[in-house]
Amino acid sequence: MVVKNQIKFIKSLQQKKYRNEYGMFVAEGLKTVGALLDSHYKVEKVYTTQEGALSFDEANAELITQRELHQMSAMKHPNTVLAVFHIPKPRPIDYGDWIVALDTISDPGNLGTIIRLCDWFGIGSLVCSLNSVDCYNPKVLQATMGSIAGVNIGYTDLESFCANAQVPIYGTFMDGKSVYSQDLTKPGILLMGNEANGISAGLEDLVGQKISIPKFGGHATESLNVAMATAILLNEIRRR
């Protein structure tokens, strides 16, 4: 039986300040928890309503009721498994391949989708500004569908990071040059801006090449969703 203090602790990890304080986060669902258990992430505890639902060290597992799962879950319809993991320290950035950098991404769904895209296109390093949404936010984790296990994610002062970058920086702007005319064969940093305001002025000065996705129609459409734009740009980068 799960005691009230355990439930209170797990619920507290839905808030960033407590994730930072304890250095832990909560993941939910068979796919996400399974992916994290098979990765470098260190597990603290697994709670499940179904014995044998996943393959893991039984010493770290506890069988719970559906009611208890609902009490500790951030999801409206929790799915069988919830686990607490330790937040790992970011690994060194690999400048030998493309890097995605995010400037003030605020929507959890967008960040989760971009993490999933990085995993799909084999982008090993994702760098976020300090004011971007936390990658261990429950809604972000749900959107990643377990892909967070395959991407090295770090938060830093993005202006300082870009100022000291060892590779070219490609920033996305509505008036940038068409991505289809760029030589993308060598590694660089793909910088994506905020959903409403784009790339901030301080970072704009550090961009070596402004790029855009050409618009062929849809006169009522002013811009693309940042996650959608990231998908198109990463596809073009890998196509080369």
C-alpha atoms as a PDB file:
ATOM      1  CA  MET A   1       0.000   0.000   0.000  1.00  0.00           C
ATOM      2  CA  VAL A   2       1.316   3.442  -0.967  1.00  0.00           C
ATOM      3  CA  VAL A   3       1.471   5.804   2.015  1.00  0.00           C
ATOM      4  CA  LYS A   4       0.226   9.393   1.834  1.00  0.00           C
ATOM      5  CA  ASN A   5       3.755  10.808   2.038  1.00  0.00           C
ATOM      6  CA  GLN A   6       4.754   8.883  -1.106  1.00  0.00           C
ATOM      7  CA  ILE A   7       1.766  10.212  -3.021  1.00  0.00           C
ATOM      8  CA  LYS A   8       2.452  13.754  -1.784  1.00  0.00           C
ATOM      9  CA  PHE A   9       6.089  13.507  -2.889  1.00  0.00           C
ATOM     10  CA  ILE A  10       5.196  12.167  -6.338  1.00  0.00           C
ATOM     11  CA  LYS A  11       2.553  14.860  -6.832  1.00  0.00           C
ATOM     12  CA  SER A  12       5.070  17.536  -5.826  1.00  0.00           C
ATOM     13  CA  LEU A  13       7.347  16.475  -8.695  1.00  0.00           C
ATOM     14  CA  GLN A  14       4.760  17.843 -11.110  1.00  0.00           C
ATOM     15  CA  GLN A  15       6.178  21.262 -10.166  1.00  0.00           C
ATOM     16  CA  LYS A  16       9.539  22.426 -11.491  1.00  0.00           C
ATOM     17  CA  LYS A  17      10.780  23.798  -8.153  1.00  0.00           C
ATOM     18  CA  TYR A  18      10.437  20.410  -6.492  1.00  0.00           C
ATOM     19  CA  ARG A  19      11.976  18.587  -9.465  1.00  0.00           C
ATOM     20  CA  ASN A  20      14.973  20.906  -9.090  1.00  0.00           C
ATOM     21  CA  GLU A  21      15.042  20.489  -5.298  1.00  0.00           C
ATOM     22  CA  TYR A  22      14.987  16.688  -5.326  1.00  0.00           C
ATOM     23  CA  GLY A  23      16.693  16.124  -8.701  1.00  0.00           C
ATOM     24  CA  MET A  24      13.917  13.756  -9.768  1.00  0.00           C
ATOM     25  CA  PHE A  25      10.948  13.653 -12.121  1.00  0.00           C
ATOM     26  CA  VAL A  26       7.906  11.492 -12.798  1.00  0.00           C
ATOM     27  CA  ALA A  27       7.276   9.600 -16.043  1.00  0.00           C
ATOM     28  CA  GLU A  28       4.004   7.868 -16.894  1.00  0.00           C
ATOM     29  CA  GLY A  29       2.742   5.269 -19.332  1.00  0.00           C
ATOM     30  CA  LEU A  30       4.135   1.978 -20.602  1.00  0.00           C
ATOM     31  CA  LYS A  31       5.959   3.469 -23.608  1.00  0.00           C
ATOM     32  CA  THR A  32       7.664   6.370 -21.835  1.00  0.00           C
ATOM     33  CA  VAL A  33       8.599   4.469 -18.689  1.00  0.00           C
ATOM     34  CA  GLY A  34       9.775   1.491 -20.729  1.00  0.00           C
ATOM     35  CA  ALA A  35      12.045   3.672 -22.864  1.00  0.00           C
ATOM     36  CA  LEU A  36      13.560   5.340 -19.806  1.00  0.00           C
ATOM     37  CA  LEU A  37      14.140   2.013 -18.043  1.00  0.00           C
ATOM     38  CA  ASP A  38      16.094   0.827 -21.093  1.00  0.00           C
ATOM     39  CA  SER A  39      18.222   3.997 -21.156  1.00  0.00           C
ATOM     40  CA  HIS A  40      20.933   5.635 -19.041  1.00  0.00           C
ATOM     41  CA  TYR A  41      18.318   7.178 -16.711  1.00  0.00           C
ATOM     42  CA  LYS A  42      18.550   5.964 -13.095  1.00  0.00           C
ATOM     43  CA  VAL A  43      15.211   4.797 -11.712  1.00  0.00           C
ATOM     44  CA  GLU A  44      14.197   5.529  -8.121  1.00  0.00           C
ATOM     45  CA  LYS A  45      10.882   3.653  -8.011  1.00  0.00           C
ATOM     46  CA  VAL A  46       8.354   2.047 -10.334  1.00  0.00           C
ATOM     47  CA  TYR A  47       4.649   1.871  -9.446  1.00  0.00           C
ATOM     48  CA  THR A  48       2.392  -0.368 -11.486  1.00  0.00           C
ATOM     49  CA  THR A  49      -1.142  -1.722 -11.378  1.00  0.00           C
ATOM     50  CA  GLN A  50      -0.195  -4.706 -13.516  1.00  0.00           C
ATOM     51  CA  GLU A  51       2.449  -7.188 -12.413  1.00  0.00           C
ATOM     52  CA  GLY A  52       4.825  -8.046 -15.239  1.00  0.00           C
ATOM     53  CA  ALA A  53       3.745  -5.067 -17.370  1.00  0.00           C
ATOM     54  CA  LEU A  54       7.385  -4.102 -17.914  1.00  0.00           C
ATOM     55  CA  SER A  55      10.731  -5.775 -17.533  1.00  0.00           C
ATOM     56  CA  PHE A  56      12.648  -4.151 -14.666  1.00  0.00           C
ATOM     57  CA  ASP A  57      14.338  -4.842 -11.345  1.00  0.00           C
ATOM     58  CA  GLU A  58      11.530  -5.936  -9.058  1.00  0.00           C
ATOM     59  CA  ALA A  59      13.416  -4.498  -6.074  1.00  0.00           C
ATOM     60  CA  ASN A  60      12.526  -1.016  -7.322  1.00  0.00           C
ATOM     61  CA  ALA A  61       8.887  -1.858  -8.059  1.00  0.00           C
ATOM     62  CA  GLU A  62       5.681  -1.636  -6.099  1.00  0.00           C
ATOM     63  CA  LEU A  63       2.291  -3.043  -7.069  1.00  0.00           C
ATOM     64  CA  ILE A  64      -0.458  -0.459  -6.510  1.00  0.00           C
ATOM     65  CA  THR A  65      -4.186  -0.128  -7.052  1.00  0.00           C
ATOM     66  CA  GLN A  66      -5.839   1.819  -9.859  1.00  0.00           C
ATOM     67  CA  ARG A  67      -7.113   4.284  -7.256  1.00  0.00           C
ATOM     68  CA  GLU A  68      -3.600   4.905  -5.957  1.00  0.00           C
ATOM     69  CA  LEU A  69      -2.322   5.418  -9.509  1.00  0.00           C
ATOM     70  CA  HIS A  70      -5.016   8.046 -10.084  1.00  0.00           C
ATOM     71  CA  GLN A  71      -4.039   9.787  -6.841  1.00  0.00           C
ATOM     72  CA  MET A  72      -0.394  10.196  -7.859  1.00  0.00           C
ATOM     73  CA  SER A  73      -0.863  10.708 -11.618  1.00  0.00           C
ATOM     74  CA  ALA A  74      -0.888  13.969 -13.568  1.00  0.00           C
ATOM     75  CA  MET A  75      -2.870  12.298 -16.351  1.00  0.00           C
ATOM     76  CA  LYS A  76      -6.650  12.208 -16.660  1.00  0.00           C
ATOM     77  CA  HIS A  77      -6.504   8.556 -17.696  1.00  0.00           C
ATOM     78  CA  PRO A  78      -3.270   7.076 -16.253  1.00  0.00           C
ATOM     79  CA  ASN A  79      -1.882   4.038 -18.042  1.00  0.00           C
ATOM     80  CA  THR A  80      -0.711   1.140 -15.849  1.00  0.00           C
ATOM     81  CA  VAL A  81       2.750   2.443 -14.897  1.00  0.00           C
ATOM     82  CA  LEU A  82       4.249   5.483 -13.179  1.00  0.00           C
ATOM     83  CA  ALA A  83       7.918   5.805 -12.261  1.00  0.00           C
ATOM     84  CA  VAL A  84      10.243   8.239 -10.516  1.00  0.00           C
ATOM     85  CA  PHE A  85      13.617   8.832 -12.176  1.00  0.00           C
ATOM     86  CA  HIS A  86      16.714  10.841 -11.291  1.00  0.00           C
ATOM     87  CA  ILE A  87      17.447  13.846 -13.508  1.00  0.00           C
ATOM     88  CA  PRO A  88      20.789  13.165 -15.219  1.00  0.00           C
ATOM     89  CA  LYS A  89      23.524  15.724 -15.750  1.00  0.00           C
ATOM     90  CA  PRO A  90      23.719  16.847 -19.402  1.00  0.00           C
ATOM     91  CA  ARG A  91      26.495  15.205 -21.374  1.00  0.00           C
ATOM     92  CA  PRO A  92      29.039  17.238 -23.401  1.00  0.00           C
ATOM     93  CA  ILE A  93      27.731  18.753 -26.646  1.00  0.00           C
ATOM     94  CA  ASP A  94      28.710  16.870 -29.805  1.00  0.00           C
ATOM     95  CA  TYR A  95      29.828  19.491 -32.324  1.00  0.00           C
ATOM     96  CA  GLY A  96      30.511  16.771 -34.882  1.00  0.00           C
ATOM     97  CA  ASP A  97      26.816  16.721 -35.823  1.00  0.00           C
ATOM     98  CA  TRP A  98      23.928  19.167 -36.047  1.00  0.00           C
ATOM     99  CA  ILE A  99      22.607  20.724 -32.843  1.00  0.00           C
ATOM    100  CA  VAL A 100      19.111  22.140 -32.273  1.00  0.00           C
ATOM    101  CA  ALA A 101      18.876  25.230 -30.045  1.00  0.00           C
ATOM    102  CA  LEU A 102      15.572  26.605 -28.731  1.00  0.00           C
ATOM    103  CA  ASP A 103      14.979  30.219 -27.757  1.00  0.00           C
ATOM    104  CA  THR A 104      12.196  30.608 -25.176  1.00  0.00           C
ATOM    105  CA  ILE A 105       9.949  27.735 -26.238  1.00  0.00           C
ATOM    106  CA  SER A 106       6.997  27.988 -23.869  1.00  0.00           C
ATOM    107  CA  ASP A 107       4.508  25.342 -24.997  1.00  0.00           C
ATOM    108  CA  PRO A 108       5.080  21.859 -23.479  1.00  0.00           C
ATOM    109  CA  GLY A 109       3.589  20.140 -26.508  1.00  0.00           C
ATOM    110  CA  ASN A 110       5.968  21.942 -28.849  1.00  0.00           C
ATOM    111  CA  LEU A 111       9.039  21.042 -26.802  1.00  0.00           C
ATOM    112  CA  GLY A 112       7.935  17.424 -26.469  1.00  0.00           C
ATOM    113  CA  THR A 113       7.374  17.157 -30.221  1.00  0.00           C
ATOM    114  CA  ILE A 114      10.767  18.756 -30.973  1.00  0.00           C
ATOM    115  CA  ILE A 115      12.483  16.264 -28.646  1.00  0.00           C
ATOM    116  CA  ARG A 116      10.717  13.469 -30.514  1.00  0.00           C
ATOM    117  CA  LEU A 117      11.841  14.964 -33.837  1.00  0.00           C
ATOM    118  CA  CYS A 118      15.447  15.174 -32.638  1.00  0.00           C
ATOM    119  CA  ASP A 119      15.323  11.499 -31.725  1.00  0.00           C
ATOM    120  CA  TRP A 120      13.754  10.598 -35.090  1.00  0.00           C
ATOM    121  CA  PHE A 121      16.340  12.516 -37.122  1.00  0.00           C
ATOM    122  CA  GLY A 122      19.281  11.435 -34.973  1.00  0.00           C
ATOM    123  CA  ILE A 123      20.020  14.845 -33.462  1.00  0.00           C
ATOM    124  CA  GLY A 124      21.930  13.974 -30.309  1.00  0.00           C
ATOM    125  CA  SER A 125      22.106  17.403 -28.650  1.00  0.00           C
ATOM    126  CA  LEU A 126      19.264  19.814 -27.877  1.00  0.00           C
ATOM    127  CA  VAL A 127      20.145  23.102 -26.164  1.00  0.00           C
ATOM    128  CA  CYS A 128      17.376  25.196 -24.569  1.00  0.00           C
ATOM    129  CA  SER A 129      17.384  28.731 -23.222  1.00  0.00           C
ATOM    130  CA  LEU A 130      16.996  29.018 -19.455  1.00  0.00           C
ATOM    131  CA  ASN A 131      13.465  30.428 -19.850  1.00  0.00           C
ATOM    132  CA  SER A 132      12.213  27.578 -22.042  1.00  0.00           C
ATOM    133  CA  VAL A 133       9.709  25.117 -20.606  1.00  0.00           C
ATOM    134  CA  ASP A 134      11.240  22.328 -18.491  1.00  0.00           C
ATOM    135  CA  CYS A 135      11.782  19.114 -20.450  1.00  0.00           C
ATOM    136  CA  TYR A 136      10.645  17.103 -17.389  1.00  0.00           C
ATOM    137  CA  ASN A 137       7.288  18.853 -17.286  1.00  0.00           C
ATOM    138  CA  PRO A 138       4.649  16.049 -17.341  1.00  0.00           C
ATOM    139  CA  LYS A 139       3.052  17.408 -20.536  1.00  0.00           C
ATOM    140  CA  VAL A 140       6.443  17.562 -22.272  1.00  0.00           C
ATOM    141  CA  LEU A 141       7.195  13.968 -21.291  1.00  0.00           C
ATOM    142  CA  GLN A 142       3.831  12.787 -22.610  1.00  0.00           C
ATOM    143  CA  ALA A 143       4.506  14.478 -25.954  1.00  0.00           C
ATOM    144  CA  THR A 144       7.963  12.892 -26.291  1.00  0.00           C
ATOM    145  CA  MET A 145       6.483   9.366 -26.205  1.00  0.00           C
ATOM    146  CA  GLY A 146       9.728   8.114 -24.646  1.00  0.00           C
ATOM    147  CA  SER A 147      12.056   9.874 -27.106  1.00  0.00           C
ATOM    148  CA  ILE A 148      13.572  11.962 -24.306  1.00  0.00           C
ATOM    149  CA  ALA A 149      15.718   8.924 -23.508  1.00  0.00           C
ATOM    150  CA  GLY A 150      17.585   9.338 -26.805  1.00  0.00           C
ATOM    151  CA  VAL A 151      18.396  13.064 -26.736  1.00  0.00           C
ATOM    152  CA  ASN A 152      20.986  14.943 -24.664  1.00  0.00           C
ATOM    153  CA  ILE A 153      19.090  18.016 -23.390  1.00  0.00           C
ATOM    154  CA  GLY A 154      20.680  20.963 -21.636  1.00  0.00           C
ATOM    155  CA  TYR A 155      19.585  24.402 -20.410  1.00  0.00           C
ATOM    156  CA  THR A 156      21.990  27.326 -20.624  1.00  0.00           C
ATOM    157  CA  ASP A 157      22.431  31.019 -21.357  1.00  0.00           C
ATOM    158  CA  LEU A 158      21.757  30.733 -25.075  1.00  0.00           C
ATOM    159  CA  GLU A 159      23.467  34.002 -26.005  1.00  0.00           C
ATOM    160  CA  SER A 160      26.683  32.870 -24.343  1.00  0.00           C
ATOM    161  CA  PHE A 161      26.362  29.427 -25.928  1.00  0.00           C
ATOM    162  CA  CYS A 162      25.890  30.853 -29.437  1.00  0.00           C
ATOM    163  CA  ALA A 163      28.627  33.472 -28.980  1.00  0.00           C
ATOM    164  CA  ASN A 164      31.101  30.671 -28.239  1.00  0.00           C
ATOM    165  CA  ALA A 165      29.757  28.190 -30.787  1.00  0.00           C
ATOM    166  CA  GLN A 166      32.296  26.175 -32.748  1.00  0.00           C
ATOM    167  CA  VAL A 167      30.025  25.785 -35.796  1.00  0.00           C
ATOM    168  CA  PRO A 168      27.837  28.068 -37.991  1.00  0.00           C
ATOM    169  CA  ILE A 169      24.473  29.216 -36.612  1.00  0.00           C
ATOM    170  CA  TYR A 170      21.379  29.035 -38.838  1.00  0.00           C
ATOM    171  CA  GLY A 171      18.474  31.040 -37.443  1.00  0.00           C
ATOM    172  CA  THR A 172      14.885  30.828 -38.658  1.00  0.00           C
ATOM    173  CA  PHE A 173      13.309  34.109 -39.810  1.00  0.00           C
ATOM    174  CA  MET A 174      10.321  34.914 -42.001  1.00  0.00           C
ATOM    175  CA  ASP A 175      12.567  37.035 -44.263  1.00  0.00           C
ATOM    176  CA  GLY A 176      15.463  34.567 -44.301  1.00  0.00           C
ATOM    177  CA  LYS A 177      16.884  32.893 -47.393  1.00  0.00           C
ATOM    178  CA  SER A 178      15.198  29.718 -48.575  1.00  0.00           C
ATOM    179  CA  VAL A 179      16.476  26.635 -46.756  1.00  0.00           C
ATOM    180  CA  TYR A 180      16.412  24.827 -50.107  1.00  0.00           C
ATOM    181  CA  SER A 181      19.226  27.058 -51.406  1.00  0.00           C
ATOM    182  CA  GLN A 182      21.550  26.433 -48.440  1.00  0.00           C
ATOM    183  CA  ASP A 183      24.572  24.145 -48.225  1.00  0.00           C
ATOM    184  CA  LEU A 184      23.702  22.093 -45.154  1.00  0.00           C
ATOM    185  CA  THR A 185      26.262  19.327 -45.592  1.00  0.00           C
ATOM    186  CA  LYS A 186      28.461  20.464 -42.668  1.00  0.00           C
ATOM    187  CA  PRO A 187      27.317  20.459 -39.030  1.00  0.00           C
ATOM    188  CA  GLY A 188      25.804  23.611 -37.568  1.00  0.00           C
ATOM    189  CA  ILE A 189      23.325  24.898 -35.011  1.00  0.00           C
ATOM    190  CA  LEU A 190      19.671  25.167 -36.012  1.00  0.00           C
ATOM    191  CA  LEU A 191      18.212  27.954 -33.870  1.00  0.00           C
ATOM    192  CA  MET A 192      14.425  28.009 -33.464  1.00  0.00           C
ATOM    193  CA  GLY A 193      12.611  30.970 -31.907  1.00  0.00           C
ATOM    194  CA  ASN A 194       9.719  31.552 -29.547  1.00  0.00           C
ATOM    195  CA  GLU A 195       6.210  30.615 -30.726  1.00  0.00           C
ATOM    196  CA  ALA A 196       4.958  34.231 -30.745  1.00  0.00           C
ATOM    197  CA  ASN A 197       8.052  36.422 -30.999  1.00  0.00           C
ATOM    198  CA  GLY A 198      10.599  34.363 -32.897  1.00  0.00           C
ATOM    199  CA  ILE A 199      14.326  34.661 -32.200  1.00  0.00           C
ATOM    200  CA  SER A 200      15.219  37.366 -29.671  1.00  0.00           C
ATOM    201  CA  ALA A 201      17.219  40.448 -30.703  1.00  0.00           C
ATOM    202  CA  GLY A 202      20.327  39.446 -28.749  1.00  0.00           C
ATOM    203  CA  LEU A 203      20.501  36.086 -30.485  1.00  0.00           C
ATOM    204  CA  GLU A 204      19.660  37.530 -33.917  1.00  0.00           C
ATOM    205  CA  ASP A 205      22.985  39.374 -33.883  1.00  0.00           C
ATOM    206  CA  LEU A 206      24.792  36.043 -33.439  1.00  0.00           C
ATOM    207  CA  VAL A 207      23.084  34.261 -36.347  1.00  0.00           C
ATOM    208  CA  GLY A 208      25.421  33.695 -39.285  1.00  0.00           C
ATOM    209  CA  GLN A 209      22.748  32.706 -41.795  1.00  0.00           C
ATOM    210  CA  LYS A 210      19.058  33.585 -41.664  1.00  0.00           C
ATOM    211  CA  ILE A 211      16.941  30.862 -43.256  1.00  0.00           C
ATOM    212  CA  SER A 212      13.247  30.317 -43.922  1.00  0.00           C
ATOM    213  CA  ILE A 213      10.797  27.793 -45.323  1.00  0.00           C
ATOM    214  CA  PRO A 214       9.334  29.151 -48.580  1.00  0.00           C
ATOM    215  CA  LYS A 215       5.605  29.717 -48.670  1.00  0.00           C
ATOM    216  CA  PHE A 216       3.808  28.447 -51.780  1.00  0.00           C
ATOM    217  CA  GLY A 217       0.198  29.234 -50.931  1.00  0.00           C
ATOM    218  CA  GLY A 218      -2.254  29.688 -48.077  1.00  0.00           C
ATOM    219  CA  HIS A 219      -2.309  33.466 -47.980  1.00  0.00           C
ATOM    220  CA  ALA A 220      -4.211  33.422 -44.677  1.00  0.00           C
ATOM    221  CA  THR A 221      -1.365  31.477 -43.002  1.00  0.00           C
ATOM    222  CA  GLU A 222       1.177  33.870 -41.498  1.00  0.00           C
ATOM    223  CA  SER A 223       3.607  31.342 -40.053  1.00  0.00           C
ATOM    224  CA  LEU A 224       4.200  27.693 -39.195  1.00  0.00           C
ATOM    225  CA  ASN A 225       4.051  26.121 -35.753  1.00  0.00           C
ATOM    226  CA  VAL A 226       7.612  25.910 -34.378  1.00  0.00           C
ATOM    227  CA  ALA A 227       7.526  22.118 -34.066  1.00  0.00           C
ATOM    228  CA  MET A 228       6.192  21.773 -37.609  1.00  0.00           C
ATOM    229  CA  ALA A 229       8.919  24.106 -38.909  1.00  0.00           C
ATOM    230  CA  THR A 230      11.566  22.121 -37.021  1.00  0.00           C
ATOM    231  CA  ALA A 231      10.370  18.908 -38.702  1.00  0.00           C
ATOM    232  CA  ILE A 232      10.648  20.423 -42.192  1.00  0.00           C
ATOM    233  CA  LEU A 233      14.098  21.890 -41.524  1.00  0.00           C
ATOM    234  CA  LEU A 234      15.530  18.717 -39.954  1.00  0.00           C
ATOM    235  CA  ASN A 235      14.205  16.675 -42.852  1.00  0.00           C
ATOM    236  CA  GLU A 236      16.008  19.019 -45.263  1.00  0.00           C
ATOM    237  CA  ILE A 237      19.209  18.847 -43.225  1.00  0.00           C
ATOM    238  CA  ARG A 238      19.211  15.049 -43.179  1.00  0.00           C
ATOM    239  CA  ARG A 239      18.168  14.826 -46.833  1.00  0.00           C
ATOM    240  CA  ARG A 240      21.463  16.463 -47.759  1.00  0.00           C
END
